[in-house]
């Protein structure tokens, strides 16, 4: 029930740390950082620490983020996966006259109530001022409330900063470890193994 509530995509619900192929020192480092975050989540949470997982598609970012979520999930913790566009859409939907939730409620949910928020596909959007404002509002609240987040992006640091804006990038630089996934996609190898 907790896994379903966390909205982890079905494809990633069986991912664990043991299933991540760490056959290079770079992959071993990425695995180690994310596993340490998951196993030490209580301490990371107290400090409001998080991760930014950056790399090309198919390099295992979502795999390790899902493994961390599955390890952290407990009945008393609210863990949530969301794409950046879905996050922005959730806020924008409150602007409709017949909206079920207010903007304040949605911002409180994402900004304060969720114990671990995983935001995937950061930087795929247009990067408009409106999108940056919504992302800033949520991440600034999480920063203020010392709530940990994992952000997943295909962007390098310059592209990521350009999308999220200087203010968000500055706060994430203080609270998040940057983990680079600088290797080719694993998906072609996975297809060969089938």
N, C-alpha and C. Protein backbone atom coordinates (compact mmCIF):
# COMPACT_ATOMS: atom_id res chain seq x y z
N UNK A 1 0.83 -1.20 0.00
CA UNK A 1 0.00 0.00 0.00
C UNK A 1 0.87 1.26 0.00
N UNK A 2 1.93 1.24 0.82
CA UNK A 2 2.82 2.40 0.89
C UNK A 2 3.53 2.61 -0.43
N UNK A 3 3.91 1.52 -1.10
CA UNK A 3 4.59 1.62 -2.40
C UNK A 3 3.64 2.21 -3.43
N UNK A 4 2.40 1.75 -3.43
CA UNK A 4 1.40 2.30 -4.35
C UNK A 4 1.17 3.78 -4.10
N UNK A 5 1.08 4.15 -2.84
CA UNK A 5 0.86 5.55 -2.46
C UNK A 5 2.05 6.42 -2.86
N UNK A 6 3.24 5.84 -2.88
CA UNK A 6 4.45 6.59 -3.22
C UNK A 6 4.52 6.91 -4.71
N UNK A 7 3.69 6.26 -5.52
CA UNK A 7 3.61 6.49 -6.96
C UNK A 7 4.91 6.15 -7.70
N UNK A 8 5.65 5.19 -7.16
CA UNK A 8 6.85 4.71 -7.86
C UNK A 8 6.36 4.02 -9.13
N UNK A 9 6.91 4.37 -10.29
CA UNK A 9 6.47 3.72 -11.52
C UNK A 9 6.60 2.19 -11.43
N UNK A 10 5.63 1.48 -11.98
CA UNK A 10 5.59 0.02 -11.88
C UNK A 10 6.90 -0.60 -12.35
N UNK A 11 7.49 -0.09 -13.40
CA UNK A 11 8.74 -0.63 -13.93
C UNK A 11 9.86 -0.63 -12.88
N UNK A 12 9.80 0.29 -11.94
CA UNK A 12 10.89 0.43 -10.97
C UNK A 12 10.57 -0.12 -9.58
N UNK A 13 9.39 -0.70 -9.40
CA UNK A 13 9.00 -1.16 -8.06
C UNK A 13 9.77 -2.38 -7.57
N UNK A 14 10.47 -3.06 -8.46
CA UNK A 14 11.26 -4.22 -8.03
C UNK A 14 12.76 -3.92 -8.02
N UNK A 15 13.13 -2.67 -8.25
CA UNK A 15 14.55 -2.32 -8.32
C UNK A 15 15.14 -2.26 -6.92
N UNK A 16 16.33 -2.80 -6.79
CA UNK A 16 17.04 -2.72 -5.52
C UNK A 16 18.51 -2.42 -5.78
N UNK A 17 19.25 -2.21 -4.73
CA UNK A 17 20.66 -1.86 -4.89
C UNK A 17 21.46 -3.03 -5.46
N UNK A 18 21.11 -4.25 -5.09
CA UNK A 18 21.84 -5.42 -5.58
C UNK A 18 21.68 -5.60 -7.09
N UNK A 19 20.59 -5.13 -7.64
CA UNK A 19 20.34 -5.29 -9.07
C UNK A 19 21.01 -4.25 -9.95
N UNK A 20 21.67 -3.26 -9.34
CA UNK A 20 22.36 -2.23 -10.11
C UNK A 20 23.73 -2.75 -10.52
N UNK A 21 24.01 -2.76 -11.81
CA UNK A 21 25.28 -3.28 -12.32
C UNK A 21 26.36 -2.21 -12.15
N UNK A 22 27.17 -2.36 -11.11
CA UNK A 22 28.23 -1.40 -10.80
C UNK A 22 29.58 -1.98 -11.23
N UNK A 23 29.81 -1.98 -12.53
CA UNK A 23 31.00 -2.64 -13.08
C UNK A 23 32.15 -1.69 -13.40
N UNK A 24 32.04 -0.44 -12.95
CA UNK A 24 33.14 0.53 -13.10
C UNK A 24 33.25 1.31 -11.79
N UNK A 25 34.41 1.93 -11.53
CA UNK A 25 34.55 2.74 -10.31
C UNK A 25 33.52 3.86 -10.23
N UNK A 26 33.15 4.47 -11.38
CA UNK A 26 32.17 5.56 -11.38
C UNK A 26 30.79 5.04 -10.97
N UNK A 27 30.41 3.89 -11.48
CA UNK A 27 29.12 3.30 -11.11
C UNK A 27 29.13 2.86 -9.65
N UNK A 28 30.25 2.34 -9.19
CA UNK A 28 30.36 1.94 -7.78
C UNK A 28 30.21 3.14 -6.87
N UNK A 29 30.78 4.29 -7.28
CA UNK A 29 30.65 5.50 -6.47
C UNK A 29 29.19 5.96 -6.41
N UNK A 30 28.51 5.98 -7.57
CA UNK A 30 27.11 6.39 -7.60
C UNK A 30 26.27 5.47 -6.71
N UNK A 31 26.48 4.18 -6.84
CA UNK A 31 25.76 3.21 -6.01
C UNK A 31 26.03 3.47 -4.53
N UNK A 32 27.27 3.69 -4.18
CA UNK A 32 27.65 3.91 -2.78
C UNK A 32 26.98 5.15 -2.20
N UNK A 33 26.99 6.25 -2.97
CA UNK A 33 26.40 7.50 -2.48
C UNK A 33 24.90 7.35 -2.24
N UNK A 34 24.20 6.75 -3.20
CA UNK A 34 22.74 6.62 -3.07
C UNK A 34 22.39 5.59 -1.98
N UNK A 35 23.15 4.50 -1.91
CA UNK A 35 22.88 3.51 -0.87
C UNK A 35 23.14 4.11 0.52
N UNK A 36 24.23 4.85 0.66
CA UNK A 36 24.51 5.51 1.95
C UNK A 36 23.38 6.46 2.34
N UNK A 37 22.85 7.18 1.34
CA UNK A 37 21.73 8.08 1.61
C UNK A 37 20.52 7.29 2.13
N UNK A 38 20.20 6.17 1.48
CA UNK A 38 19.03 5.38 1.87
C UNK A 38 19.22 4.75 3.25
N UNK A 39 20.39 4.13 3.46
CA UNK A 39 20.62 3.45 4.73
C UNK A 39 20.80 4.44 5.88
N UNK A 40 21.25 5.65 5.57
CA UNK A 40 21.41 6.66 6.61
C UNK A 40 20.34 7.73 6.55
N UNK A 41 19.16 7.36 6.02
CA UNK A 41 18.13 8.35 5.76
C UNK A 41 17.73 9.13 7.01
N UNK A 42 17.67 8.49 8.17
CA UNK A 42 17.29 9.21 9.38
C UNK A 42 18.21 10.40 9.63
N UNK A 43 19.51 10.18 9.46
CA UNK A 43 20.48 11.27 9.68
C UNK A 43 20.41 12.32 8.57
N UNK A 44 20.32 11.85 7.32
CA UNK A 44 20.20 12.79 6.21
C UNK A 44 18.94 13.64 6.36
N UNK A 45 17.87 13.02 6.81
CA UNK A 45 16.60 13.71 6.97
C UNK A 45 16.70 14.80 8.04
N UNK A 46 17.37 14.51 9.14
CA UNK A 46 17.51 15.50 10.21
C UNK A 46 18.25 16.74 9.72
N UNK A 47 19.15 16.55 8.76
CA UNK A 47 19.96 17.65 8.23
C UNK A 47 19.36 18.26 6.97
N UNK A 48 18.25 17.68 6.47
CA UNK A 48 17.64 18.18 5.26
C UNK A 48 18.50 17.98 4.03
N UNK A 49 19.28 16.92 4.01
CA UNK A 49 20.21 16.64 2.91
C UNK A 49 19.52 15.86 1.81
N UNK A 50 20.00 15.99 0.58
CA UNK A 50 19.42 15.29 -0.54
C UNK A 50 20.45 14.98 -1.61
N UNK A 51 19.95 14.59 -2.79
CA UNK A 51 20.81 14.20 -3.90
C UNK A 51 20.29 14.80 -5.19
N UNK A 52 21.21 15.08 -6.11
CA UNK A 52 20.88 15.37 -7.50
C UNK A 52 21.58 14.30 -8.32
N UNK A 53 20.79 13.50 -9.05
CA UNK A 53 21.33 12.43 -9.89
C UNK A 53 21.31 12.93 -11.32
N UNK A 54 22.48 13.07 -11.94
CA UNK A 54 22.60 13.70 -13.25
C UNK A 54 23.31 12.77 -14.24
N UNK A 55 22.71 12.62 -15.42
CA UNK A 55 23.36 11.81 -16.45
C UNK A 55 22.42 11.54 -17.60
N UNK A 56 22.95 10.92 -18.62
CA UNK A 56 22.17 10.62 -19.82
C UNK A 56 21.08 9.60 -19.51
N UNK A 57 20.07 9.49 -20.37
CA UNK A 57 19.02 8.48 -20.17
C UNK A 57 19.61 7.07 -20.16
N UNK A 58 19.02 6.21 -19.33
CA UNK A 58 19.40 4.80 -19.32
C UNK A 58 20.63 4.48 -18.50
N UNK A 59 21.07 5.41 -17.67
CA UNK A 59 22.30 5.19 -16.91
C UNK A 59 22.05 4.69 -15.48
N UNK A 60 20.78 4.53 -15.08
CA UNK A 60 20.47 3.96 -13.78
C UNK A 60 20.03 4.93 -12.71
N UNK A 61 19.79 6.17 -13.07
CA UNK A 61 19.38 7.17 -12.08
C UNK A 61 18.05 6.81 -11.43
N UNK A 62 17.06 6.49 -12.25
CA UNK A 62 15.75 6.14 -11.71
C UNK A 62 15.80 4.82 -10.95
N UNK A 63 16.62 3.90 -11.41
CA UNK A 63 16.80 2.61 -10.72
C UNK A 63 17.26 2.86 -9.28
N UNK A 64 18.33 3.65 -9.13
CA UNK A 64 18.86 3.89 -7.78
C UNK A 64 17.92 4.75 -6.93
N UNK A 65 17.24 5.71 -7.55
CA UNK A 65 16.28 6.52 -6.80
C UNK A 65 15.14 5.64 -6.28
N UNK A 66 14.65 4.72 -7.12
CA UNK A 66 13.58 3.81 -6.70
C UNK A 66 14.08 2.88 -5.60
N UNK A 67 15.30 2.38 -5.73
CA UNK A 67 15.87 1.51 -4.69
C UNK A 67 15.94 2.25 -3.36
N UNK A 68 16.34 3.53 -3.41
CA UNK A 68 16.38 4.34 -2.18
C UNK A 68 14.99 4.51 -1.59
N UNK A 69 14.01 4.82 -2.43
CA UNK A 69 12.64 5.00 -1.96
C UNK A 69 12.12 3.71 -1.32
N UNK A 70 12.35 2.59 -1.98
CA UNK A 70 11.86 1.31 -1.46
C UNK A 70 12.52 0.95 -0.14
N UNK A 71 13.76 1.36 0.03
CA UNK A 71 14.44 1.09 1.30
C UNK A 71 13.90 1.99 2.43
N UNK A 72 13.61 3.23 2.07
CA UNK A 72 13.19 4.23 3.07
C UNK A 72 11.74 4.04 3.50
N UNK A 73 10.89 3.53 2.59
CA UNK A 73 9.45 3.44 2.88
C UNK A 73 9.18 2.67 4.17
N UNK A 74 8.45 3.33 5.04
CA UNK A 74 7.97 2.74 6.29
C UNK A 74 6.57 3.29 6.52
N UNK A 75 5.77 2.62 7.32
CA UNK A 75 4.40 3.11 7.53
C UNK A 75 4.31 4.56 8.01
N UNK A 76 5.30 5.02 8.75
CA UNK A 76 5.22 6.37 9.30
C UNK A 76 5.83 7.44 8.40
N UNK A 77 6.43 7.03 7.27
CA UNK A 77 7.06 7.99 6.36
C UNK A 77 6.26 8.14 5.07
N UNK A 78 6.15 9.37 4.59
CA UNK A 78 5.49 9.63 3.33
C UNK A 78 6.59 9.86 2.29
N UNK A 79 6.71 8.90 1.38
CA UNK A 79 7.68 8.96 0.30
C UNK A 79 6.90 9.15 -0.99
N UNK A 80 7.35 10.04 -1.87
CA UNK A 80 6.58 10.36 -3.08
C UNK A 80 7.49 10.54 -4.28
N UNK A 81 7.12 9.88 -5.39
CA UNK A 81 7.77 10.07 -6.68
C UNK A 81 6.86 10.92 -7.55
N UNK A 82 7.46 11.87 -8.28
CA UNK A 82 6.68 12.69 -9.21
C UNK A 82 7.63 13.21 -10.29
N UNK A 83 7.13 13.35 -11.51
CA UNK A 83 7.94 14.02 -12.53
C UNK A 83 7.82 15.52 -12.29
N UNK A 84 8.80 16.24 -12.77
CA UNK A 84 8.78 17.70 -12.60
C UNK A 84 7.55 18.31 -13.27
N UNK A 85 7.20 17.81 -14.46
CA UNK A 85 6.03 18.35 -15.16
C UNK A 85 4.75 18.06 -14.40
N UNK A 86 4.62 16.87 -13.81
CA UNK A 86 3.43 16.54 -13.02
C UNK A 86 3.34 17.43 -11.78
N UNK A 87 4.48 17.74 -11.20
CA UNK A 87 4.53 18.64 -10.04
C UNK A 87 4.02 20.03 -10.42
N UNK A 88 4.52 20.54 -11.53
CA UNK A 88 4.09 21.85 -12.01
C UNK A 88 2.60 21.82 -12.37
N UNK A 89 2.17 20.73 -13.02
CA UNK A 89 0.76 20.59 -13.40
C UNK A 89 -0.13 20.55 -12.16
N UNK A 90 0.32 19.87 -11.09
CA UNK A 90 -0.49 19.78 -9.87
C UNK A 90 -0.74 21.16 -9.27
N UNK A 91 0.27 22.03 -9.33
CA UNK A 91 0.07 23.40 -8.82
C UNK A 91 -0.84 24.17 -9.76
N UNK A 92 -0.60 24.07 -11.05
CA UNK A 92 -1.43 24.83 -12.01
C UNK A 92 -2.90 24.41 -11.97
N UNK A 93 -3.16 23.13 -11.70
CA UNK A 93 -4.55 22.67 -11.63
C UNK A 93 -5.33 23.33 -10.51
N UNK A 94 -4.64 23.83 -9.49
CA UNK A 94 -5.35 24.50 -8.39
C UNK A 94 -5.88 25.86 -8.82
N UNK A 95 -5.45 26.35 -9.96
CA UNK A 95 -5.88 27.66 -10.42
C UNK A 95 -7.25 27.61 -11.10
N UNK A 96 -7.74 26.39 -11.36
CA UNK A 96 -9.07 26.26 -11.95
C UNK A 96 -10.14 26.61 -10.91
N UNK A 97 -11.23 27.12 -11.36
CA UNK A 97 -12.31 27.50 -10.47
C UNK A 97 -12.88 26.31 -9.71
N UNK A 98 -12.91 25.12 -10.36
CA UNK A 98 -13.50 23.93 -9.73
C UNK A 98 -12.45 23.01 -9.12
N UNK A 99 -11.27 23.54 -8.81
CA UNK A 99 -10.18 22.72 -8.26
C UNK A 99 -10.57 22.12 -6.92
N UNK A 100 -10.17 20.85 -6.72
CA UNK A 100 -10.47 20.15 -5.47
C UNK A 100 -9.56 20.60 -4.33
N UNK A 101 -8.34 21.03 -4.68
CA UNK A 101 -7.39 21.49 -3.66
C UNK A 101 -6.97 22.91 -3.96
N UNK A 102 -6.58 23.60 -2.92
CA UNK A 102 -6.07 24.96 -3.10
C UNK A 102 -4.57 24.90 -3.40
N UNK A 103 -4.07 25.97 -3.95
CA UNK A 103 -2.63 26.05 -4.20
C UNK A 103 -1.85 25.90 -2.90
N UNK A 104 -2.36 26.50 -1.86
CA UNK A 104 -1.71 26.42 -0.55
C UNK A 104 -1.58 24.96 -0.09
N UNK A 105 -2.65 24.16 -0.28
CA UNK A 105 -2.61 22.75 0.12
C UNK A 105 -1.57 21.96 -0.68
N UNK A 106 -1.54 22.18 -1.99
CA UNK A 106 -0.60 21.45 -2.84
C UNK A 106 0.84 21.84 -2.50
N UNK A 107 1.08 23.13 -2.32
CA UNK A 107 2.43 23.57 -1.97
C UNK A 107 2.85 23.03 -0.61
N UNK A 108 1.92 22.96 0.33
CA UNK A 108 2.23 22.40 1.65
C UNK A 108 2.54 20.91 1.54
N UNK A 109 1.76 20.19 0.73
CA UNK A 109 2.01 18.76 0.57
C UNK A 109 3.41 18.51 0.04
N UNK A 110 3.73 19.13 -1.10
CA UNK A 110 5.04 18.90 -1.72
C UNK A 110 6.17 19.58 -0.95
N UNK A 111 5.90 20.72 -0.39
CA UNK A 111 6.95 21.50 0.26
C UNK A 111 7.28 21.11 1.67
N UNK A 112 6.31 20.53 2.39
CA UNK A 112 6.54 20.27 3.82
C UNK A 112 6.14 18.86 4.24
N UNK A 113 5.01 18.37 3.77
CA UNK A 113 4.43 17.15 4.33
C UNK A 113 5.15 15.86 3.92
N UNK A 114 5.69 15.82 2.72
CA UNK A 114 6.32 14.60 2.21
C UNK A 114 7.72 14.47 2.81
N UNK A 115 8.00 13.30 3.40
CA UNK A 115 9.29 13.09 4.07
C UNK A 115 10.44 12.96 3.08
N UNK A 116 10.22 12.27 1.96
CA UNK A 116 11.22 12.17 0.90
C UNK A 116 10.50 12.37 -0.43
N UNK A 117 10.87 13.43 -1.14
CA UNK A 117 10.28 13.73 -2.44
C UNK A 117 11.32 13.46 -3.52
N UNK A 118 10.95 12.62 -4.50
CA UNK A 118 11.81 12.34 -5.65
C UNK A 118 11.18 13.01 -6.86
N UNK A 119 11.90 13.95 -7.47
CA UNK A 119 11.42 14.67 -8.64
C UNK A 119 12.24 14.23 -9.85
N UNK A 120 11.60 13.56 -10.78
CA UNK A 120 12.27 13.03 -11.97
C UNK A 120 12.07 13.99 -13.15
N UNK A 121 12.92 13.84 -14.15
CA UNK A 121 12.80 14.59 -15.41
C UNK A 121 12.92 16.09 -15.21
N UNK A 122 13.79 16.52 -14.29
CA UNK A 122 14.01 17.95 -14.09
C UNK A 122 14.82 18.48 -15.26
N UNK A 123 14.27 19.48 -15.95
CA UNK A 123 14.96 20.08 -17.07
C UNK A 123 14.40 19.68 -18.41
N UNK A 124 13.40 18.82 -18.42
CA UNK A 124 12.76 18.42 -19.68
C UNK A 124 11.74 19.48 -20.10
N UNK A 125 11.31 20.30 -19.16
CA UNK A 125 10.26 21.28 -19.42
C UNK A 125 10.83 22.49 -20.18
N UNK A 126 10.02 23.50 -20.34
CA UNK A 126 10.43 24.68 -21.11
C UNK A 126 11.38 25.59 -20.34
N UNK A 127 11.34 25.54 -19.02
CA UNK A 127 12.18 26.42 -18.23
C UNK A 127 11.66 27.84 -18.16
N UNK A 128 10.34 27.98 -18.28
CA UNK A 128 9.74 29.32 -18.23
C UNK A 128 9.85 29.90 -16.83
N UNK A 129 9.66 31.21 -16.73
CA UNK A 129 9.68 31.86 -15.42
C UNK A 129 8.63 31.26 -14.50
N UNK A 130 7.45 30.94 -15.06
CA UNK A 130 6.38 30.35 -14.25
C UNK A 130 6.78 29.00 -13.69
N UNK A 131 7.40 28.16 -14.52
CA UNK A 131 7.85 26.84 -14.05
C UNK A 131 8.93 26.99 -12.98
N UNK A 132 9.86 27.90 -13.21
CA UNK A 132 10.92 28.12 -12.22
C UNK A 132 10.35 28.63 -10.90
N UNK A 133 9.33 29.48 -10.98
CA UNK A 133 8.72 30.02 -9.76
C UNK A 133 8.06 28.91 -8.95
N UNK A 134 7.34 28.01 -9.63
CA UNK A 134 6.69 26.90 -8.93
C UNK A 134 7.73 25.98 -8.31
N UNK A 135 8.75 25.62 -9.07
CA UNK A 135 9.80 24.74 -8.55
C UNK A 135 10.53 25.40 -7.39
N UNK A 136 10.80 26.70 -7.52
CA UNK A 136 11.44 27.42 -6.42
C UNK A 136 10.59 27.39 -5.17
N UNK A 137 9.29 27.65 -5.33
CA UNK A 137 8.39 27.68 -4.17
C UNK A 137 8.42 26.36 -3.41
N UNK A 138 8.39 25.26 -4.14
CA UNK A 138 8.38 23.94 -3.49
C UNK A 138 9.73 23.62 -2.88
N UNK A 139 10.80 23.80 -3.64
CA UNK A 139 12.13 23.45 -3.13
C UNK A 139 12.59 24.40 -2.04
N UNK A 140 12.15 25.67 -2.10
CA UNK A 140 12.48 26.60 -1.02
C UNK A 140 11.79 26.20 0.28
N UNK A 141 10.54 25.76 0.16
CA UNK A 141 9.83 25.28 1.36
C UNK A 141 10.53 24.05 1.93
N UNK A 142 10.93 23.13 1.05
CA UNK A 142 11.62 21.92 1.52
C UNK A 142 12.96 22.30 2.16
N UNK A 143 13.63 23.26 1.59
CA UNK A 143 14.89 23.76 2.16
C UNK A 143 14.65 24.34 3.55
N UNK A 144 13.63 25.18 3.67
CA UNK A 144 13.32 25.82 4.96
C UNK A 144 12.89 24.82 6.01
N UNK A 145 12.13 23.80 5.59
CA UNK A 145 11.61 22.79 6.52
C UNK A 145 12.59 21.63 6.73
N UNK A 146 13.75 21.70 6.06
CA UNK A 146 14.79 20.66 6.14
C UNK A 146 14.24 19.29 5.73
N UNK A 147 13.57 19.28 4.58
CA UNK A 147 12.99 18.06 4.02
C UNK A 147 13.86 17.57 2.87
N UNK A 148 14.34 16.34 2.90
CA UNK A 148 15.22 15.84 1.85
C UNK A 148 14.49 15.57 0.53
N UNK A 149 15.23 15.77 -0.56
CA UNK A 149 14.71 15.52 -1.89
C UNK A 149 15.78 14.82 -2.72
N UNK A 150 15.32 14.06 -3.72
CA UNK A 150 16.20 13.54 -4.75
C UNK A 150 15.69 14.10 -6.06
N UNK A 151 16.55 14.79 -6.80
CA UNK A 151 16.20 15.32 -8.11
C UNK A 151 16.95 14.53 -9.16
N UNK A 152 16.25 14.16 -10.23
CA UNK A 152 16.83 13.37 -11.32
C UNK A 152 16.79 14.21 -12.59
N UNK A 153 17.94 14.31 -13.26
CA UNK A 153 18.02 15.15 -14.45
C UNK A 153 18.94 14.54 -15.49
N UNK A 154 18.66 14.84 -16.76
CA UNK A 154 19.56 14.48 -17.85
C UNK A 154 20.53 15.63 -18.15
N UNK A 155 20.38 16.74 -17.45
CA UNK A 155 21.20 17.92 -17.68
C UNK A 155 22.54 17.83 -16.95
N UNK A 156 23.56 18.51 -17.48
CA UNK A 156 24.80 18.70 -16.74
C UNK A 156 24.56 19.88 -15.77
N UNK A 157 25.57 20.26 -15.00
CA UNK A 157 25.35 21.31 -14.00
C UNK A 157 24.91 22.63 -14.64
N UNK A 158 25.51 22.99 -15.77
CA UNK A 158 25.15 24.26 -16.42
C UNK A 158 23.71 24.23 -16.92
N UNK A 159 23.31 23.14 -17.56
CA UNK A 159 21.95 23.03 -18.05
C UNK A 159 20.93 22.97 -16.93
N UNK A 160 21.28 22.26 -15.86
CA UNK A 160 20.41 22.14 -14.70
C UNK A 160 20.20 23.51 -14.06
N UNK A 161 21.31 24.24 -13.88
CA UNK A 161 21.22 25.58 -13.28
C UNK A 161 20.38 26.51 -14.13
N UNK A 162 20.56 26.42 -15.45
CA UNK A 162 19.78 27.25 -16.37
C UNK A 162 18.29 26.96 -16.23
N UNK A 163 17.93 25.69 -16.03
CA UNK A 163 16.52 25.35 -15.91
C UNK A 163 15.94 25.75 -14.56
N UNK A 164 16.61 25.38 -13.46
CA UNK A 164 16.01 25.61 -12.13
C UNK A 164 16.19 27.04 -11.65
N UNK A 165 17.16 27.76 -12.21
CA UNK A 165 17.41 29.13 -11.80
C UNK A 165 18.45 29.21 -10.70
N UNK A 166 19.01 30.40 -10.55
CA UNK A 166 20.12 30.61 -9.60
C UNK A 166 19.73 30.33 -8.15
N UNK A 167 18.53 30.76 -7.76
CA UNK A 167 18.13 30.62 -6.35
C UNK A 167 18.00 29.16 -5.94
N UNK A 168 17.33 28.36 -6.78
CA UNK A 168 17.17 26.93 -6.47
C UNK A 168 18.53 26.25 -6.52
N UNK A 169 19.32 26.55 -7.54
CA UNK A 169 20.63 25.92 -7.68
C UNK A 169 21.51 26.21 -6.47
N UNK A 170 21.45 27.44 -5.96
CA UNK A 170 22.23 27.82 -4.79
C UNK A 170 21.81 27.01 -3.56
N UNK A 171 20.51 26.86 -3.33
CA UNK A 171 20.03 26.10 -2.17
C UNK A 171 20.39 24.62 -2.31
N UNK A 172 20.23 24.07 -3.52
CA UNK A 172 20.57 22.67 -3.73
C UNK A 172 22.07 22.44 -3.58
N UNK A 173 22.87 23.44 -3.96
CA UNK A 173 24.32 23.32 -3.79
C UNK A 173 24.71 23.19 -2.32
N UNK A 174 23.92 23.80 -1.46
CA UNK A 174 24.17 23.71 -0.01
C UNK A 174 23.71 22.39 0.58
N UNK A 175 22.58 21.86 0.09
CA UNK A 175 21.96 20.72 0.76
C UNK A 175 22.07 19.39 0.03
N UNK A 176 22.45 19.40 -1.24
CA UNK A 176 22.43 18.16 -2.04
C UNK A 176 23.81 17.78 -2.54
N UNK A 177 24.06 16.49 -2.56
CA UNK A 177 25.26 15.95 -3.20
C UNK A 177 24.95 15.72 -4.67
N UNK A 178 25.84 16.16 -5.54
CA UNK A 178 25.69 15.97 -6.98
C UNK A 178 26.32 14.64 -7.35
N UNK A 179 25.56 13.76 -7.97
CA UNK A 179 26.05 12.44 -8.35
C UNK A 179 25.97 12.33 -9.87
N UNK A 180 27.13 12.21 -10.52
CA UNK A 180 27.19 12.13 -11.98
C UNK A 180 27.10 10.68 -12.44
N UNK A 181 26.27 10.45 -13.44
CA UNK A 181 26.12 9.15 -14.07
C UNK A 181 26.70 9.29 -15.49
N UNK A 182 28.02 9.38 -15.57
CA UNK A 182 28.70 9.68 -16.83
C UNK A 182 29.16 8.41 -17.54
N UNK A 183 28.19 7.66 -18.04
CA UNK A 183 28.50 6.46 -18.81
C UNK A 183 27.34 6.20 -19.76
N UNK A 184 27.57 5.32 -20.75
CA UNK A 184 26.51 5.07 -21.75
C UNK A 184 25.29 4.37 -21.14
N UNK A 185 24.20 4.45 -21.86
CA UNK A 185 22.94 3.81 -21.46
C UNK A 185 23.12 2.31 -21.31
N UNK A 186 22.49 1.76 -20.28
CA UNK A 186 22.50 0.31 -20.04
C UNK A 186 21.40 -0.40 -20.84
N UNK A 187 20.45 0.34 -21.36
CA UNK A 187 19.28 -0.28 -22.00
C UNK A 187 19.62 -1.19 -23.18
N UNK A 188 20.55 -0.82 -24.07
CA UNK A 188 20.89 -1.76 -25.16
C UNK A 188 21.42 -3.10 -24.63
N UNK A 189 22.21 -3.07 -23.55
CA UNK A 189 22.70 -4.32 -22.96
C UNK A 189 21.57 -5.12 -22.35
N UNK A 190 20.63 -4.44 -21.71
CA UNK A 190 19.48 -5.12 -21.10
C UNK A 190 18.64 -5.82 -22.17
N UNK A 191 18.48 -5.16 -23.34
CA UNK A 191 17.71 -5.77 -24.42
C UNK A 191 18.40 -7.02 -24.95
N UNK A 192 19.74 -7.00 -25.04
CA UNK A 192 20.49 -8.16 -25.51
C UNK A 192 20.36 -9.34 -24.55
N UNK A 193 20.26 -9.04 -23.26
CA UNK A 193 20.19 -10.09 -22.23
C UNK A 193 18.82 -10.79 -22.22
N UNK A 194 17.81 -10.16 -22.84
CA UNK A 194 16.46 -10.76 -22.80
C UNK A 194 16.33 -11.98 -23.69
